Amino acid sequence: MKLIIGLGNPGTKYEKNRHNLGFMIIDAYVSKLGLEWAYSRDWICFWAKNESALFIKPSTFMNKSGAAAKAVADFYKVDLKNILVISDEVDLPFSKIRLAFDGLSAGHKGVDSVIQYIGGFEFARLRVGVGSPRRASGEAGHPSRIATDDKSTTQPLDVSQYVLEDFSKEERQKLNEVIIKCQEALNSYIAEGIEATMNRFN
C-alpha cells in the first residue's frame, strides 16, 4: 500500500496560502476518488483510504508533520519506499512539478519533519512550484518586488513570509491546471511507482 502525505498548516487562516498547496492537491485528489476524510486523534491527522493507497493531512503545524507520518506508517507497516510527500517548492517556478526520490528536504520544514520522524529520506516527493521572491530580485542583498492583487511593494527578501501569503489573483486562475497535472502524477505513482512517474513528468 502507498502512503500519500499532503503537507500544509491547519485552520482557515492558512488554507489559501502557497504553503498549503500540498493540502489543496490531496484534498482535490481524495474528492475526485469519491473518498471522504476522517479524523484520528491517535494519528493526529485527517485520513482517507482505498484499496491502493492511504491519504493523510497532518493536523499539526508544518514543522511537526512527521509525527502523523510516523504514526500512520507504523500502524500500517508502510515501507519508506512506498511513501510520497506532496509539498510546495519555492525553488521551482509556479506550476512546475518535479518528482524525486531519496533526497534531502531542500530546506522545507515539513519535509524535514517527515525525515526526522520516520528516520530516513528514502521516500518519494512531489514538489510543486510556487515561485519565489528570489526570482524577482536583482543582485544578492537587493530588495525584491512582491506582487499582490492590488499593488506591488518593494521589501526585503523573505521567503518564509512569501509562502504564508495567499496565491495571487493570476496564480489562482491557473491553480486548477496545476492541481489536475498533480492528480495525473499521483495516478501514475500509485499505479506504476516513482521511477515511471519521474520519467513521465520530470
N, C-alpha and C. Protein backbone atom coordinates (compact mmCIF):
# COMPACT_ATOMS: atom_id res chain seq x y z
N MET A 1 0.84 -1.21 0.00
CA MET A 1 0.00 0.00 0.00
C MET A 1 0.87 1.25 0.00
N LYS A 2 0.45 2.25 -0.80
CA LYS A 2 1.14 3.53 -0.84
C LYS A 2 0.56 4.46 0.24
N LEU A 3 1.42 5.27 0.82
CA LEU A 3 1.01 6.31 1.76
C LEU A 3 1.30 7.66 1.11
N ILE A 4 0.27 8.46 0.89
CA ILE A 4 0.40 9.77 0.26
C ILE A 4 0.15 10.83 1.33
N ILE A 5 1.11 11.73 1.52
CA ILE A 5 1.03 12.74 2.57
C ILE A 5 1.01 14.12 1.94
N GLY A 6 -0.06 14.87 2.17
CA GLY A 6 -0.13 16.26 1.74
C GLY A 6 0.28 17.16 2.88
N LEU A 7 1.17 18.11 2.62
CA LEU A 7 1.67 18.98 3.68
C LEU A 7 1.00 20.35 3.64
N GLY A 8 0.75 20.90 4.84
CA GLY A 8 0.14 22.21 4.97
C GLY A 8 -0.01 22.57 6.43
N ASN A 9 -0.64 23.70 6.68
CA ASN A 9 -0.94 24.15 8.04
C ASN A 9 -2.44 24.10 8.26
N PRO A 10 -2.89 23.68 9.45
CA PRO A 10 -4.33 23.59 9.71
C PRO A 10 -4.95 24.95 9.96
N GLY A 11 -6.26 25.05 9.70
CA GLY A 11 -7.01 26.25 10.03
C GLY A 11 -7.29 27.13 8.84
N THR A 12 -8.40 27.89 8.92
CA THR A 12 -8.84 28.74 7.82
C THR A 12 -7.86 29.87 7.54
N LYS A 13 -7.09 30.28 8.54
CA LYS A 13 -6.12 31.36 8.36
C LYS A 13 -5.11 31.03 7.28
N TYR A 14 -4.79 29.74 7.14
CA TYR A 14 -3.71 29.32 6.24
C TYR A 14 -4.19 28.63 4.97
N GLU A 15 -5.49 28.36 4.85
CA GLU A 15 -5.94 27.40 3.84
C GLU A 15 -5.65 27.81 2.40
N LYS A 16 -5.52 29.10 2.12
CA LYS A 16 -5.26 29.55 0.75
C LYS A 16 -3.82 29.98 0.53
N ASN A 17 -2.97 29.75 1.54
CA ASN A 17 -1.54 30.11 1.43
C ASN A 17 -0.82 29.24 0.41
N ARG A 18 0.27 29.77 -0.13
CA ARG A 18 1.13 28.96 -1.01
C ARG A 18 1.65 27.73 -0.28
N HIS A 19 1.92 27.87 1.01
CA HIS A 19 2.48 26.77 1.80
C HIS A 19 1.49 25.62 1.97
N ASN A 20 0.23 25.87 1.67
CA ASN A 20 -0.80 24.84 1.82
C ASN A 20 -1.13 24.13 0.52
N LEU A 21 -0.28 24.27 -0.48
CA LEU A 21 -0.55 23.64 -1.76
C LEU A 21 -0.64 22.12 -1.65
N GLY A 22 0.14 21.53 -0.76
CA GLY A 22 0.05 20.08 -0.54
C GLY A 22 -1.33 19.66 -0.08
N PHE A 23 -1.93 20.44 0.82
CA PHE A 23 -3.30 20.17 1.26
C PHE A 23 -4.29 20.33 0.11
N MET A 24 -4.14 21.39 -0.68
CA MET A 24 -5.06 21.64 -1.79
C MET A 24 -5.05 20.48 -2.78
N ILE A 25 -3.86 19.98 -3.09
CA ILE A 25 -3.73 18.90 -4.07
C ILE A 25 -4.34 17.61 -3.55
N ILE A 26 -4.03 17.26 -2.31
CA ILE A 26 -4.54 15.99 -1.79
C ILE A 26 -6.04 16.06 -1.52
N ASP A 27 -6.55 17.26 -1.14
CA ASP A 27 -8.00 17.43 -0.98
C ASP A 27 -8.71 17.17 -2.30
N ALA A 28 -8.20 17.77 -3.38
CA ALA A 28 -8.83 17.61 -4.68
C ALA A 28 -8.76 16.16 -5.15
N TYR A 29 -7.65 15.49 -4.88
CA TYR A 29 -7.48 14.11 -5.33
C TYR A 29 -8.40 13.16 -4.57
N VAL A 30 -8.47 13.33 -3.26
CA VAL A 30 -9.36 12.48 -2.45
C VAL A 30 -10.82 12.68 -2.87
N SER A 31 -11.19 13.93 -3.13
CA SER A 31 -12.56 14.20 -3.59
C SER A 31 -12.82 13.55 -4.94
N LYS A 32 -11.85 13.63 -5.86
CA LYS A 32 -12.01 13.02 -7.18
C LYS A 32 -12.20 11.51 -7.08
N LEU A 33 -11.56 10.89 -6.10
CA LEU A 33 -11.69 9.44 -5.89
C LEU A 33 -13.01 9.07 -5.22
N GLY A 34 -13.78 10.07 -4.79
CA GLY A 34 -15.05 9.80 -4.11
C GLY A 34 -14.89 9.40 -2.66
N LEU A 35 -13.74 9.71 -2.08
CA LEU A 35 -13.48 9.37 -0.68
C LEU A 35 -13.79 10.57 0.21
N GLU A 36 -13.93 10.31 1.52
CA GLU A 36 -14.17 11.36 2.49
C GLU A 36 -13.13 11.28 3.59
N TRP A 37 -12.79 12.44 4.12
CA TRP A 37 -11.82 12.49 5.21
C TRP A 37 -12.44 12.07 6.54
N ALA A 38 -11.67 11.34 7.32
CA ALA A 38 -12.00 11.07 8.72
C ALA A 38 -10.85 11.63 9.56
N TYR A 39 -11.09 11.80 10.85
CA TYR A 39 -10.02 12.34 11.70
C TYR A 39 -9.63 11.31 12.76
N SER A 40 -8.33 11.18 12.98
CA SER A 40 -7.81 10.28 14.02
C SER A 40 -6.99 11.08 15.02
N ARG A 41 -7.40 11.07 16.29
CA ARG A 41 -6.61 11.71 17.34
C ARG A 41 -5.30 10.98 17.56
N ASP A 42 -5.34 9.65 17.43
CA ASP A 42 -4.12 8.86 17.64
C ASP A 42 -3.07 9.18 16.57
N TRP A 43 -3.51 9.38 15.35
CA TRP A 43 -2.58 9.65 14.26
C TRP A 43 -2.36 11.15 14.03
N ILE A 44 -3.11 11.97 14.76
CA ILE A 44 -3.08 13.44 14.62
C ILE A 44 -3.10 13.89 13.15
N CYS A 45 -4.08 13.33 12.43
CA CYS A 45 -4.23 13.70 11.03
C CYS A 45 -5.63 13.37 10.54
N PHE A 46 -5.99 13.98 9.41
CA PHE A 46 -7.13 13.54 8.63
C PHE A 46 -6.65 12.44 7.68
N TRP A 47 -7.51 11.46 7.45
CA TRP A 47 -7.09 10.34 6.62
C TRP A 47 -8.25 9.85 5.76
N ALA A 48 -7.90 9.25 4.64
CA ALA A 48 -8.85 8.59 3.75
C ALA A 48 -8.12 7.41 3.12
N LYS A 49 -8.86 6.40 2.68
CA LYS A 49 -8.22 5.17 2.25
C LYS A 49 -9.05 4.47 1.19
N ASN A 50 -8.36 3.89 0.20
CA ASN A 50 -8.99 2.94 -0.71
C ASN A 50 -8.11 1.70 -0.79
N GLU A 51 -8.35 0.85 -1.79
CA GLU A 51 -7.61 -0.41 -1.85
C GLU A 51 -6.15 -0.21 -2.26
N SER A 52 -5.83 0.92 -2.84
CA SER A 52 -4.48 1.15 -3.37
C SER A 52 -3.61 2.04 -2.51
N ALA A 53 -4.23 2.96 -1.78
CA ALA A 53 -3.43 3.98 -1.09
C ALA A 53 -4.15 4.52 0.13
N LEU A 54 -3.34 5.07 1.01
CA LEU A 54 -3.82 5.76 2.20
C LEU A 54 -3.37 7.21 2.06
N PHE A 55 -4.27 8.13 2.32
CA PHE A 55 -4.01 9.55 2.16
C PHE A 55 -4.13 10.24 3.51
N ILE A 56 -3.17 11.11 3.83
CA ILE A 56 -3.27 11.82 5.11
C ILE A 56 -2.93 13.30 4.95
N LYS A 57 -3.56 14.09 5.85
CA LYS A 57 -3.22 15.51 6.04
C LYS A 57 -2.92 15.69 7.52
N PRO A 58 -1.67 15.88 7.90
CA PRO A 58 -1.35 16.10 9.32
C PRO A 58 -2.09 17.31 9.86
N SER A 59 -2.61 17.19 11.09
CA SER A 59 -3.33 18.31 11.71
C SER A 59 -2.42 19.11 12.63
N THR A 60 -1.16 18.72 12.68
CA THR A 60 -0.15 19.53 13.36
C THR A 60 0.22 20.68 12.44
N PHE A 61 1.02 21.61 12.92
CA PHE A 61 1.56 22.59 12.00
C PHE A 61 2.69 21.96 11.19
N MET A 62 3.09 22.68 10.16
CA MET A 62 4.00 22.13 9.15
C MET A 62 5.24 21.47 9.76
N ASN A 63 5.88 22.14 10.72
CA ASN A 63 7.16 21.63 11.22
C ASN A 63 7.03 20.43 12.15
N LYS A 64 5.79 19.92 12.35
CA LYS A 64 5.57 18.69 13.11
C LYS A 64 4.85 17.64 12.28
N SER A 65 4.83 17.82 10.98
CA SER A 65 4.10 16.91 10.08
C SER A 65 4.57 15.47 10.21
N GLY A 66 5.83 15.28 10.52
CA GLY A 66 6.38 13.94 10.59
C GLY A 66 5.77 13.06 11.67
N ALA A 67 5.22 13.69 12.71
CA ALA A 67 4.60 12.90 13.79
C ALA A 67 3.43 12.09 13.26
N ALA A 68 2.61 12.70 12.43
CA ALA A 68 1.48 11.99 11.82
C ALA A 68 1.97 10.96 10.81
N ALA A 69 2.97 11.33 10.03
CA ALA A 69 3.51 10.39 9.03
C ALA A 69 4.01 9.12 9.71
N LYS A 70 4.73 9.28 10.81
CA LYS A 70 5.27 8.12 11.52
C LYS A 70 4.15 7.28 12.13
N ALA A 71 3.15 7.93 12.73
CA ALA A 71 2.07 7.19 13.37
C ALA A 71 1.33 6.31 12.37
N VAL A 72 1.04 6.85 11.20
CA VAL A 72 0.31 6.08 10.19
C VAL A 72 1.20 5.01 9.56
N ALA A 73 2.43 5.38 9.23
CA ALA A 73 3.35 4.41 8.62
C ALA A 73 3.62 3.24 9.55
N ASP A 74 3.76 3.52 10.84
CA ASP A 74 3.99 2.44 11.82
C ASP A 74 2.76 1.54 11.94
N PHE A 75 1.59 2.14 11.99
CA PHE A 75 0.36 1.34 12.15
C PHE A 75 0.14 0.41 10.97
N TYR A 76 0.36 0.91 9.75
CA TYR A 76 0.13 0.11 8.55
C TYR A 76 1.39 -0.58 8.04
N LYS A 77 2.50 -0.39 8.77
CA LYS A 77 3.77 -1.00 8.39
C LYS A 77 4.14 -0.68 6.92
N VAL A 78 4.06 0.61 6.61
CA VAL A 78 4.38 1.08 5.26
C VAL A 78 5.88 1.31 5.15
N ASP A 79 6.51 0.69 4.17
CA ASP A 79 7.94 0.92 3.91
C ASP A 79 8.16 2.35 3.41
N LEU A 80 9.33 2.89 3.72
CA LEU A 80 9.65 4.24 3.26
C LEU A 80 9.51 4.37 1.75
N LYS A 81 9.90 3.33 1.03
CA LYS A 81 9.87 3.39 -0.44
C LYS A 81 8.46 3.51 -0.99
N ASN A 82 7.44 3.29 -0.15
CA ASN A 82 6.05 3.39 -0.58
C ASN A 82 5.36 4.65 -0.04
N ILE A 83 6.15 5.62 0.37
CA ILE A 83 5.62 6.90 0.86
C ILE A 83 5.91 7.99 -0.16
N LEU A 84 4.93 8.84 -0.40
CA LEU A 84 5.12 10.03 -1.23
C LEU A 84 4.60 11.25 -0.47
N VAL A 85 5.42 12.30 -0.44
CA VAL A 85 5.07 13.55 0.23
C VAL A 85 4.83 14.63 -0.82
N ILE A 86 3.71 15.34 -0.70
CA ILE A 86 3.37 16.43 -1.61
C ILE A 86 3.65 17.75 -0.90
N SER A 87 4.47 18.59 -1.50
CA SER A 87 4.82 19.86 -0.85
C SER A 87 4.98 20.98 -1.87
N ASP A 88 4.82 22.21 -1.39
CA ASP A 88 5.14 23.39 -2.18
C ASP A 88 6.65 23.51 -2.31
N GLU A 89 7.11 24.20 -3.36
CA GLU A 89 8.55 24.32 -3.59
C GLU A 89 8.88 25.72 -4.14
N VAL A 90 9.61 26.50 -3.34
CA VAL A 90 9.97 27.85 -3.77
C VAL A 90 11.10 27.85 -4.79
N ASP A 91 11.81 26.77 -4.94
CA ASP A 91 12.91 26.71 -5.90
C ASP A 91 12.45 26.28 -7.29
N LEU A 92 11.14 26.14 -7.46
CA LEU A 92 10.57 25.86 -8.78
C LEU A 92 9.62 26.99 -9.16
N PRO A 93 9.59 27.37 -10.43
CA PRO A 93 8.62 28.38 -10.86
C PRO A 93 7.19 27.90 -10.60
N PHE A 94 6.29 28.84 -10.42
CA PHE A 94 4.89 28.48 -10.21
C PHE A 94 4.41 27.56 -11.32
N SER A 95 3.72 26.50 -10.93
CA SER A 95 3.07 25.50 -11.79
C SER A 95 3.99 24.36 -12.24
N LYS A 96 5.30 24.49 -12.07
CA LYS A 96 6.20 23.40 -12.44
C LYS A 96 6.16 22.32 -11.36
N ILE A 97 6.24 21.06 -11.78
CA ILE A 97 6.29 19.98 -10.81
C ILE A 97 7.54 19.14 -11.05
N ARG A 98 8.04 18.55 -9.96
CA ARG A 98 9.18 17.64 -10.04
C ARG A 98 8.94 16.46 -9.11
N LEU A 99 9.13 15.28 -9.64
CA LEU A 99 9.11 14.08 -8.83
C LEU A 99 10.54 13.73 -8.45
N ALA A 100 10.75 13.34 -7.22
CA ALA A 100 12.09 12.98 -6.76
C ALA A 100 11.99 11.81 -5.79
N PHE A 101 13.14 11.16 -5.59
CA PHE A 101 13.21 10.05 -4.64
C PHE A 101 14.56 10.08 -3.95
N ASP A 102 14.54 9.78 -2.64
CA ASP A 102 15.80 9.58 -1.92
C ASP A 102 16.66 10.83 -1.94
N GLY A 103 16.08 11.96 -1.52
CA GLY A 103 16.82 13.20 -1.49
C GLY A 103 16.59 13.95 -0.19
N LEU A 104 17.29 15.05 -0.02
CA LEU A 104 17.14 15.87 1.17
C LEU A 104 15.94 16.81 1.02
N SER A 105 15.70 17.63 2.04
CA SER A 105 14.47 18.41 2.11
C SER A 105 14.52 19.71 1.33
N ALA A 106 15.70 20.16 0.94
CA ALA A 106 15.87 21.47 0.30
C ALA A 106 15.35 22.60 1.18
N GLY A 107 15.39 22.39 2.49
CA GLY A 107 15.01 23.43 3.44
C GLY A 107 13.52 23.49 3.77
N HIS A 108 12.72 22.60 3.22
CA HIS A 108 11.28 22.60 3.51
C HIS A 108 11.06 21.99 4.90
N LYS A 109 10.47 22.78 5.81
CA LYS A 109 10.33 22.35 7.20
C LYS A 109 9.43 21.12 7.35
N GLY A 110 8.40 21.03 6.53
CA GLY A 110 7.53 19.87 6.61
C GLY A 110 8.22 18.60 6.18
N VAL A 111 8.97 18.67 5.08
CA VAL A 111 9.73 17.50 4.62
C VAL A 111 10.82 17.16 5.63
N ASP A 112 11.47 18.18 6.20
CA ASP A 112 12.45 17.96 7.26
C ASP A 112 11.85 17.15 8.40
N SER A 113 10.64 17.51 8.79
CA SER A 113 9.98 16.83 9.90
C SER A 113 9.68 15.37 9.57
N VAL A 114 9.23 15.11 8.33
CA VAL A 114 8.97 13.72 7.92
C VAL A 114 10.25 12.91 7.98
N ILE A 115 11.33 13.46 7.47
CA ILE A 115 12.62 12.77 7.50
C ILE A 115 13.03 12.46 8.94
N GLN A 116 12.88 13.43 9.82
CA GLN A 116 13.27 13.28 11.21
C GLN A 116 12.46 12.19 11.91
N TYR A 117 11.13 12.23 11.74
CA TYR A 117 10.27 11.31 12.49
C TYR A 117 10.33 9.88 11.95
N ILE A 118 10.38 9.72 10.62
CA ILE A 118 10.38 8.35 10.10
C ILE A 118 11.78 7.77 10.00
N GLY A 119 12.78 8.59 10.27
CA GLY A 119 14.14 8.09 10.38
C GLY A 119 14.84 7.76 9.08
N GLY A 120 14.49 8.49 8.02
CA GLY A 120 15.15 8.26 6.74
C GLY A 120 14.58 9.17 5.67
N PHE A 121 15.26 9.23 4.54
CA PHE A 121 14.76 10.08 3.46
C PHE A 121 14.55 9.29 2.17
N GLU A 122 14.42 7.98 2.28
CA GLU A 122 14.25 7.14 1.10
C GLU A 122 12.78 7.02 0.74
N PHE A 123 12.14 8.18 0.48
CA PHE A 123 10.75 8.19 0.07
C PHE A 123 10.61 9.17 -1.10
N ALA A 124 9.45 9.10 -1.76
CA ALA A 124 9.22 9.92 -2.94
C ALA A 124 8.66 11.28 -2.55
N ARG A 125 8.92 12.29 -3.41
CA ARG A 125 8.37 13.63 -3.21
C ARG A 125 7.75 14.12 -4.51
N LEU A 126 6.61 14.77 -4.35
CA LEU A 126 6.00 15.53 -5.44
C LEU A 126 6.16 17.00 -5.04
N ARG A 127 7.12 17.66 -5.67
CA ARG A 127 7.44 19.06 -5.36
C ARG A 127 6.75 19.95 -6.38
N VAL A 128 5.94 20.89 -5.88
CA VAL A 128 5.09 21.69 -6.76
C VAL A 128 5.49 23.16 -6.62
N GLY A 129 5.90 23.76 -7.72
CA GLY A 129 6.45 25.10 -7.68
C GLY A 129 5.43 26.18 -7.31
N VAL A 130 5.84 27.04 -6.41
CA VAL A 130 5.05 28.22 -6.05
C VAL A 130 5.81 29.50 -6.39
N GLY A 131 6.98 29.36 -7.01
CA GLY A 131 7.80 30.52 -7.29
C GLY A 131 8.44 31.05 -6.02
N SER A 132 9.17 32.13 -6.16
CA SER A 132 9.88 32.69 -5.02
C SER A 132 10.16 34.16 -5.26
N PRO A 133 10.16 34.99 -4.21
CA PRO A 133 10.57 36.38 -4.39
C PRO A 133 12.00 36.52 -4.88
N ARG A 134 12.81 35.48 -4.71
CA ARG A 134 14.18 35.49 -5.24
C ARG A 134 14.19 35.72 -6.74
N ARG A 135 13.17 35.17 -7.43
CA ARG A 135 13.14 35.23 -8.89
C ARG A 135 12.85 36.64 -9.39
N ALA A 136 12.37 37.51 -8.49
CA ALA A 136 12.09 38.88 -8.88
C ALA A 136 13.19 39.84 -8.45
N SER A 137 14.20 39.32 -7.75
CA SER A 137 15.24 40.20 -7.21
C SER A 137 16.39 40.34 -8.20
N GLY A 138 17.18 41.39 -7.99
CA GLY A 138 18.36 41.59 -8.82
C GLY A 138 19.56 40.96 -8.15
N GLU A 139 20.54 41.76 -7.82
CA GLU A 139 21.74 41.23 -7.19
C GLU A 139 21.43 40.81 -5.76
N ALA A 140 22.28 39.92 -5.24
CA ALA A 140 22.10 39.45 -3.87
C ALA A 140 22.07 40.64 -2.92
N GLY A 141 21.12 40.59 -1.97
CA GLY A 141 21.04 41.63 -0.97
C GLY A 141 20.12 42.77 -1.35
N HIS A 142 19.69 42.83 -2.62
CA HIS A 142 18.80 43.89 -3.04
C HIS A 142 17.36 43.49 -2.74
N PRO A 143 16.47 44.45 -2.50
CA PRO A 143 15.08 44.11 -2.23
C PRO A 143 14.39 43.55 -3.45
N SER A 144 13.29 42.85 -3.21
CA SER A 144 12.52 42.25 -4.28
C SER A 144 11.20 42.99 -4.44
N ARG A 145 10.66 42.90 -5.66
CA ARG A 145 9.32 43.42 -5.89
C ARG A 145 8.34 42.29 -5.62
N ILE A 146 7.46 42.46 -4.65
CA ILE A 146 6.49 41.45 -4.28
C ILE A 146 5.13 41.89 -4.79
N ALA A 147 4.55 41.12 -5.70
CA ALA A 147 3.27 41.49 -6.29
C ALA A 147 2.13 40.98 -5.43
N THR A 148 1.11 41.79 -5.24
CA THR A 148 -0.14 41.38 -4.60
C THR A 148 -1.26 41.60 -5.60
N ASP A 149 -2.51 41.32 -5.20
CA ASP A 149 -3.63 41.51 -6.12
C ASP A 149 -3.77 42.98 -6.54
N ASP A 150 -3.46 43.90 -5.64
CA ASP A 150 -3.76 45.30 -5.88
C ASP A 150 -2.54 46.17 -6.13
N LYS A 151 -1.37 45.74 -5.69
CA LYS A 151 -0.22 46.63 -5.79
C LYS A 151 1.06 45.82 -5.73
N SER A 152 2.16 46.48 -6.00
CA SER A 152 3.47 45.87 -5.89
C SER A 152 4.31 46.72 -4.95
N THR A 153 4.95 46.07 -3.98
CA THR A 153 5.70 46.80 -2.99
C THR A 153 7.13 46.31 -2.97
N THR A 154 8.05 47.20 -2.64
CA THR A 154 9.45 46.82 -2.50
C THR A 154 9.73 46.52 -1.04
N GLN A 155 10.26 45.36 -0.77
CA GLN A 155 10.54 44.97 0.61
C GLN A 155 11.69 43.98 0.60
N PRO A 156 12.36 43.79 1.72
CA PRO A 156 13.45 42.82 1.80
C PRO A 156 12.96 41.42 1.49
N LEU A 157 13.82 40.63 0.90
CA LEU A 157 13.51 39.24 0.58
C LEU A 157 13.16 38.46 1.83
N ASP A 158 12.01 37.78 1.83
CA ASP A 158 11.59 36.98 2.98
C ASP A 158 10.76 35.81 2.46
N VAL A 159 11.44 34.70 2.20
CA VAL A 159 10.76 33.53 1.64
C VAL A 159 9.72 32.98 2.60
N SER A 160 10.01 32.98 3.91
CA SER A 160 9.08 32.44 4.89
C SER A 160 7.78 33.23 4.90
N GLN A 161 7.85 34.53 4.70
CA GLN A 161 6.64 35.34 4.61
C GLN A 161 5.92 35.08 3.30
N TYR A 162 6.67 34.95 2.23
CA TYR A 162 6.11 34.72 0.90
C TYR A 162 5.23 33.47 0.86
N VAL A 163 5.69 32.36 1.43
CA VAL A 163 4.92 31.12 1.34
C VAL A 163 3.67 31.16 2.23
N LEU A 164 3.65 32.05 3.21
CA LEU A 164 2.48 32.18 4.07
C LEU A 164 1.49 33.23 3.56
N GLU A 165 1.75 33.76 2.37
CA GLU A 165 0.79 34.63 1.70
C GLU A 165 -0.11 33.78 0.79
N ASP A 166 -1.32 34.29 0.52
CA ASP A 166 -2.21 33.61 -0.41
C ASP A 166 -1.65 33.72 -1.83
N PHE A 167 -2.07 32.80 -2.68
CA PHE A 167 -1.72 32.89 -4.09
C PHE A 167 -2.27 34.19 -4.67
N SER A 168 -1.56 34.75 -5.61
CA SER A 168 -2.02 35.96 -6.28
C SER A 168 -3.25 35.65 -7.14
N LYS A 169 -3.93 36.70 -7.58
CA LYS A 169 -5.11 36.52 -8.44
C LYS A 169 -4.73 35.77 -9.72
N GLU A 170 -3.60 36.13 -10.33
CA GLU A 170 -3.15 35.47 -11.55
C GLU A 170 -2.85 33.99 -11.30
N GLU A 171 -2.20 33.70 -10.18
CA GLU A 171 -1.89 32.31 -9.84
C GLU A 171 -3.16 31.51 -9.59
N ARG A 172 -4.12 32.10 -8.92
CA ARG A 172 -5.38 31.39 -8.63
C ARG A 172 -6.10 30.99 -9.91
N GLN A 173 -5.96 31.81 -10.95
CA GLN A 173 -6.61 31.49 -12.22
C GLN A 173 -6.00 30.25 -12.88
N LYS A 174 -4.75 29.93 -12.55
CA LYS A 174 -4.06 28.79 -13.15
C LYS A 174 -3.96 27.59 -12.20
N LEU A 175 -4.43 27.78 -10.96
CA LEU A 175 -4.20 26.77 -9.93
C LEU A 175 -4.87 25.45 -10.26
N ASN A 176 -6.05 25.48 -10.85
CA ASN A 176 -6.75 24.24 -11.17
C ASN A 176 -5.96 23.39 -12.16
N GLU A 177 -5.29 24.06 -13.12
CA GLU A 177 -4.46 23.32 -14.08
C GLU A 177 -3.31 22.61 -13.37
N VAL A 178 -2.72 23.29 -12.39
CA VAL A 178 -1.63 22.70 -11.61
C VAL A 178 -2.12 21.47 -10.86
N ILE A 179 -3.28 21.61 -10.23
CA ILE A 179 -3.83 20.51 -9.44
C ILE A 179 -4.15 19.31 -10.32
N ILE A 180 -4.69 19.56 -11.50
CA ILE A 180 -5.01 18.46 -12.42
C ILE A 180 -3.73 17.73 -12.84
N LYS A 181 -2.67 18.49 -13.14
CA LYS A 181 -1.40 17.86 -13.50
C LYS A 181 -0.87 17.00 -12.36
N CYS A 182 -1.01 17.48 -11.13
CA CYS A 182 -0.56 16.70 -9.97
C CYS A 182 -1.41 15.45 -9.77
N GLN A 183 -2.70 15.55 -10.05
CA GLN A 183 -3.56 14.37 -9.97
C GLN A 183 -3.11 13.29 -10.95
N GLU A 184 -2.73 13.72 -12.15
CA GLU A 184 -2.23 12.77 -13.13
C GLU A 184 -0.94 12.10 -12.65
N ALA A 185 -0.08 12.89 -12.02
CA ALA A 185 1.16 12.33 -11.48
C ALA A 185 0.87 11.35 -10.35
N LEU A 186 -0.12 11.65 -9.51
CA LEU A 186 -0.47 10.73 -8.42
C LEU A 186 -1.06 9.44 -8.98
N ASN A 187 -1.90 9.55 -9.99
CA ASN A 187 -2.42 8.33 -10.63
C ASN A 187 -1.28 7.45 -11.11
N SER A 188 -0.30 8.06 -11.75
CA SER A 188 0.84 7.31 -12.28
C SER A 188 1.65 6.68 -11.15
N TYR A 189 1.90 7.46 -10.11
CA TYR A 189 2.69 6.94 -8.99
C TYR A 189 2.03 5.74 -8.33
N ILE A 190 0.74 5.85 -8.07
CA ILE A 190 0.03 4.75 -7.41
C ILE A 190 -0.01 3.51 -8.29
N ALA A 191 -0.19 3.69 -9.59
CA ALA A 191 -0.30 2.55 -10.50
C ALA A 191 1.04 1.96 -10.90
N GLU A 192 2.07 2.83 -11.09
CA GLU A 192 3.30 2.37 -11.71
C GLU A 192 4.56 2.61 -10.89
N GLY A 193 4.47 3.41 -9.82
CA GLY A 193 5.65 3.65 -8.99
C GLY A 193 6.38 4.93 -9.35
N ILE A 194 7.39 5.23 -8.57
CA ILE A 194 8.06 6.52 -8.68
C ILE A 194 8.94 6.63 -9.93
N GLU A 195 9.66 5.59 -10.30
CA GLU A 195 10.57 5.71 -11.44
C GLU A 195 9.83 6.01 -12.73
N ALA A 196 8.75 5.27 -12.99
CA ALA A 196 7.96 5.51 -14.20
C ALA A 196 7.36 6.91 -14.18
N THR A 197 6.93 7.35 -13.00
CA THR A 197 6.31 8.67 -12.87
C THR A 197 7.33 9.78 -13.06
N MET A 198 8.54 9.59 -12.54
CA MET A 198 9.61 10.57 -12.76
C MET A 198 9.93 10.68 -14.24
N ASN A 199 10.01 9.55 -14.93
CA ASN A 199 10.32 9.56 -16.37
C ASN A 199 9.24 10.28 -17.17
N ARG A 200 8.02 10.18 -16.71
CA ARG A 200 6.90 10.75 -17.45
C ARG A 200 6.70 12.24 -17.20
N PHE A 201 6.96 12.69 -15.97
CA PHE A 201 6.57 14.05 -15.59
C PHE A 201 7.76 15.00 -15.38
N ASN A 202 8.95 14.47 -15.20
CA ASN A 202 10.09 15.38 -14.98
C ASN A 202 10.66 15.90 -16.29
